[in-house]
N, C-alpha and C. Protein backbone atom coordinates (compact mmCIF):
# COMPACT_ATOMS: atom_id res chain seq x y z
N MET A 1 -43.14 3.24 -20.72
CA MET A 1 -41.53 3.22 -21.03
C MET A 1 -40.77 4.07 -20.14
N TYR A 2 -41.17 5.07 -19.64
CA TYR A 2 -40.36 5.77 -18.75
C TYR A 2 -40.38 5.11 -17.21
N VAL A 3 -41.48 4.45 -16.65
CA VAL A 3 -41.53 4.17 -15.54
C VAL A 3 -40.27 2.85 -15.35
N MET A 4 -40.19 1.86 -16.86
CA MET A 4 -39.40 0.86 -16.85
C MET A 4 -38.28 1.25 -16.68
N GLU A 5 -37.73 2.36 -17.48
CA GLU A 5 -36.41 3.29 -17.53
C GLU A 5 -36.16 3.49 -15.85
N GLN A 6 -36.98 3.95 -15.14
CA GLN A 6 -36.98 4.53 -13.82
C GLN A 6 -36.76 3.27 -13.12
N LEU A 7 -37.00 2.29 -12.92
CA LEU A 7 -37.09 0.83 -12.41
C LEU A 7 -35.64 0.32 -12.51
N ALA A 8 -35.17 0.50 -13.82
CA ALA A 8 -34.29 -0.04 -13.95
C ALA A 8 -32.85 0.70 -13.53
N SER A 9 -32.92 2.04 -13.73
CA SER A 9 -31.84 3.07 -12.91
C SER A 9 -32.04 2.82 -11.59
N GLU A 10 -33.23 2.61 -10.74
CA GLU A 10 -33.34 2.26 -9.24
C GLU A 10 -32.63 1.05 -9.02
N ARG A 11 -32.72 0.04 -9.84
CA ARG A 11 -31.99 -0.95 -9.54
C ARG A 11 -30.56 -1.37 -9.81
N VAL A 12 -30.14 -0.58 -10.81
CA VAL A 12 -28.78 -0.32 -11.13
C VAL A 12 -28.09 0.52 -9.89
N ARG A 13 -28.70 1.44 -9.32
CA ARG A 13 -28.18 2.24 -8.12
C ARG A 13 -28.20 1.27 -6.93
N ASP A 14 -29.20 0.70 -6.75
CA ASP A 14 -29.42 -0.45 -5.65
C ASP A 14 -28.14 -1.54 -5.53
N ASN A 15 -27.91 -2.13 -6.91
CA ASN A 15 -26.92 -3.09 -7.08
C ASN A 15 -25.51 -2.19 -6.77
N LEU A 16 -25.24 -1.05 -7.20
CA LEU A 16 -24.06 -0.24 -7.05
C LEU A 16 -23.72 -0.10 -5.54
N GLU A 17 -25.00 0.19 -4.71
CA GLU A 17 -24.64 0.47 -3.28
C GLU A 17 -24.73 -0.89 -2.56
N LEU A 18 -24.90 -1.82 -3.15
CA LEU A 18 -24.98 -2.97 -2.35
C LEU A 18 -23.39 -3.59 -2.71
N ALA A 19 -22.73 -3.21 -3.96
CA ALA A 19 -21.72 -3.95 -3.96
C ALA A 19 -20.46 -2.95 -3.54
N GLU A 20 -20.94 -1.75 -3.39
CA GLU A 20 -19.87 -1.02 -2.44
C GLU A 20 -19.85 -1.47 -0.70
N GLN A 21 -21.20 -1.57 -0.55
CA GLN A 21 -21.07 -2.01 0.96
C GLN A 21 -20.38 -3.44 1.22
N SER A 22 -20.58 -4.20 0.13
CA SER A 22 -19.69 -5.70 0.03
C SER A 22 -18.36 -5.52 0.05
N ARG A 23 -18.10 -4.36 -0.61
CA ARG A 23 -16.51 -4.17 -0.82
C ARG A 23 -16.03 -3.58 0.41
N TYR A 24 -16.59 -2.82 1.44
CA TYR A 24 -16.30 -2.44 2.34
C TYR A 24 -16.25 -3.40 3.38
N ALA A 25 -17.30 -4.21 3.40
CA ALA A 25 -17.26 -5.47 4.47
C ALA A 25 -16.37 -6.25 4.13
N ARG A 26 -15.71 -6.53 3.06
CA ARG A 26 -14.74 -7.41 2.44
C ARG A 26 -13.35 -6.89 2.92
N ARG A 27 -12.98 -5.53 2.75
CA ARG A 27 -12.11 -4.99 3.18
C ARG A 27 -11.80 -5.24 4.68
N LEU A 28 -12.80 -4.81 5.30
CA LEU A 28 -12.98 -4.93 6.94
C LEU A 28 -12.39 -6.24 7.31
N ARG A 29 -13.24 -7.43 6.84
CA ARG A 29 -12.82 -8.73 7.19
C ARG A 29 -11.21 -8.94 7.04
N MET A 30 -11.04 -8.54 5.75
CA MET A 30 -9.54 -8.85 5.40
C MET A 30 -8.17 -8.11 6.36
N LEU A 31 -8.79 -6.82 6.71
CA LEU A 31 -7.89 -5.95 7.86
C LEU A 31 -8.07 -6.80 9.17
N ARG A 32 -9.09 -7.29 9.50
CA ARG A 32 -8.97 -7.83 10.87
C ARG A 32 -8.52 -9.24 10.56
N ARG A 33 -8.17 -9.88 9.65
CA ARG A 33 -7.61 -11.07 9.49
C ARG A 33 -6.21 -10.74 9.36
N ALA A 34 -5.67 -9.80 8.81
CA ALA A 34 -4.41 -9.35 8.97
C ALA A 34 -3.84 -9.03 10.36
N SER A 35 -4.77 -8.51 11.20
CA SER A 35 -4.33 -7.84 12.53
C SER A 35 -4.03 -9.20 13.20
N ARG A 36 -5.38 -10.43 13.13
CA ARG A 36 -4.94 -11.20 13.94
C ARG A 36 -3.43 -12.14 13.63
N MET A 37 -3.29 -12.10 12.23
CA MET A 37 -2.06 -12.82 11.73
C MET A 37 -0.93 -12.37 12.14
N GLU A 38 -0.81 -10.84 12.31
CA GLU A 38 0.16 -10.08 12.95
C GLU A 38 0.27 -10.24 14.39
N ARG A 39 -0.66 -10.40 15.21
CA ARG A 39 -0.56 -10.50 16.64
C ARG A 39 -0.19 -11.94 16.95
N LYS A 40 -0.36 -12.84 15.92
CA LYS A 40 -0.10 -14.34 16.09
C LYS A 40 1.64 -14.40 16.01
N ALA A 41 2.03 -13.81 14.91
CA ALA A 41 3.32 -13.53 14.48
C ALA A 41 4.25 -13.00 15.56
N GLU A 42 3.60 -11.97 16.18
CA GLU A 42 4.31 -11.29 17.23
C GLU A 42 4.42 -12.26 18.34
N ARG A 43 3.33 -12.71 18.76
CA ARG A 43 3.35 -13.96 19.99
C ARG A 43 4.51 -14.91 19.78
N ARG A 44 4.57 -15.74 18.29
CA ARG A 44 5.51 -16.54 17.98
C ARG A 44 6.70 -15.88 18.17
N MET A 45 7.31 -14.83 17.79
CA MET A 45 8.36 -13.99 17.67
C MET A 45 8.85 -13.88 19.07
N ILE A 46 8.04 -13.67 20.33
CA ILE A 46 8.26 -13.26 21.70
C ILE A 46 8.72 -14.48 22.14
N GLN A 47 7.90 -15.53 21.97
CA GLN A 47 8.31 -17.02 22.31
C GLN A 47 9.61 -17.47 21.71
N ALA A 48 10.02 -17.06 20.75
CA ALA A 48 11.05 -17.67 20.21
C ALA A 48 12.22 -16.69 20.82
N TRP A 49 12.18 -15.41 21.04
CA TRP A 49 13.17 -14.83 21.82
C TRP A 49 13.60 -15.21 23.15
N ARG A 50 12.23 -15.62 23.89
CA ARG A 50 12.30 -16.19 25.14
C ARG A 50 12.99 -17.37 25.23
N ARG A 51 12.73 -18.36 24.41
CA ARG A 51 13.27 -19.54 24.18
C ARG A 51 14.98 -19.43 23.87
N ALA A 52 15.29 -18.67 23.21
CA ALA A 52 16.60 -18.47 22.67
C ALA A 52 17.24 -17.78 24.03
N ALA A 53 16.83 -16.93 24.66
CA ALA A 53 17.31 -16.22 25.94
C ALA A 53 17.70 -17.38 26.93
N GLU A 54 16.69 -18.40 27.02
CA GLU A 54 16.52 -19.60 28.18
C GLU A 54 17.88 -20.52 27.41
N LEU A 55 17.72 -20.78 26.40
CA LEU A 55 18.98 -21.66 25.73
C LEU A 55 20.21 -21.01 26.17
N ARG A 56 20.33 -19.53 25.70
CA ARG A 56 21.84 -19.12 26.04
C ARG A 56 22.00 -19.22 27.68
N ARG A 57 20.96 -19.08 28.14
CA ARG A 57 21.61 -18.96 29.67
C ARG A 57 21.87 -20.70 30.33
N LYS A 58 21.19 -21.47 29.74
CA LYS A 58 21.75 -22.95 29.83
C LYS A 58 23.04 -23.12 29.41
N ILE A 59 23.30 -22.53 28.20
CA ILE A 59 24.75 -23.01 27.77
C ILE A 59 25.78 -22.00 28.35
N GLU A 60 25.52 -20.85 28.78
CA GLU A 60 26.41 -20.10 29.70
C GLU A 60 26.55 -20.63 31.02
N SER A 61 25.62 -21.45 31.65
CA SER A 61 25.90 -22.12 32.71
C SER A 61 26.67 -23.21 32.46
N LEU A 62 26.57 -23.76 31.59
CA LEU A 62 27.41 -24.94 31.36
C LEU A 62 28.91 -24.50 31.14
N ASP A 63 29.00 -23.40 30.29
CA ASP A 63 30.49 -23.07 30.32
C ASP A 63 31.16 -22.94 31.48
N CYS A 64 30.39 -22.35 32.41
CA CYS A 64 31.23 -21.80 33.95
C CYS A 64 31.82 -23.18 34.74
């Protein structure tokens, strides 16, 4: 009986450790995804600023 309890306890401990590792890996994936999305948004914003500046220059050149 003691052996069965010990095996069950080890199994629970292993499952908890595996769950913790899975949570860590999932958090890391989410962080990497968020970082990629942030960089993509920053690139789009810079492109929009450049396009707006280009359009302003064209409009200003038409006004002269």
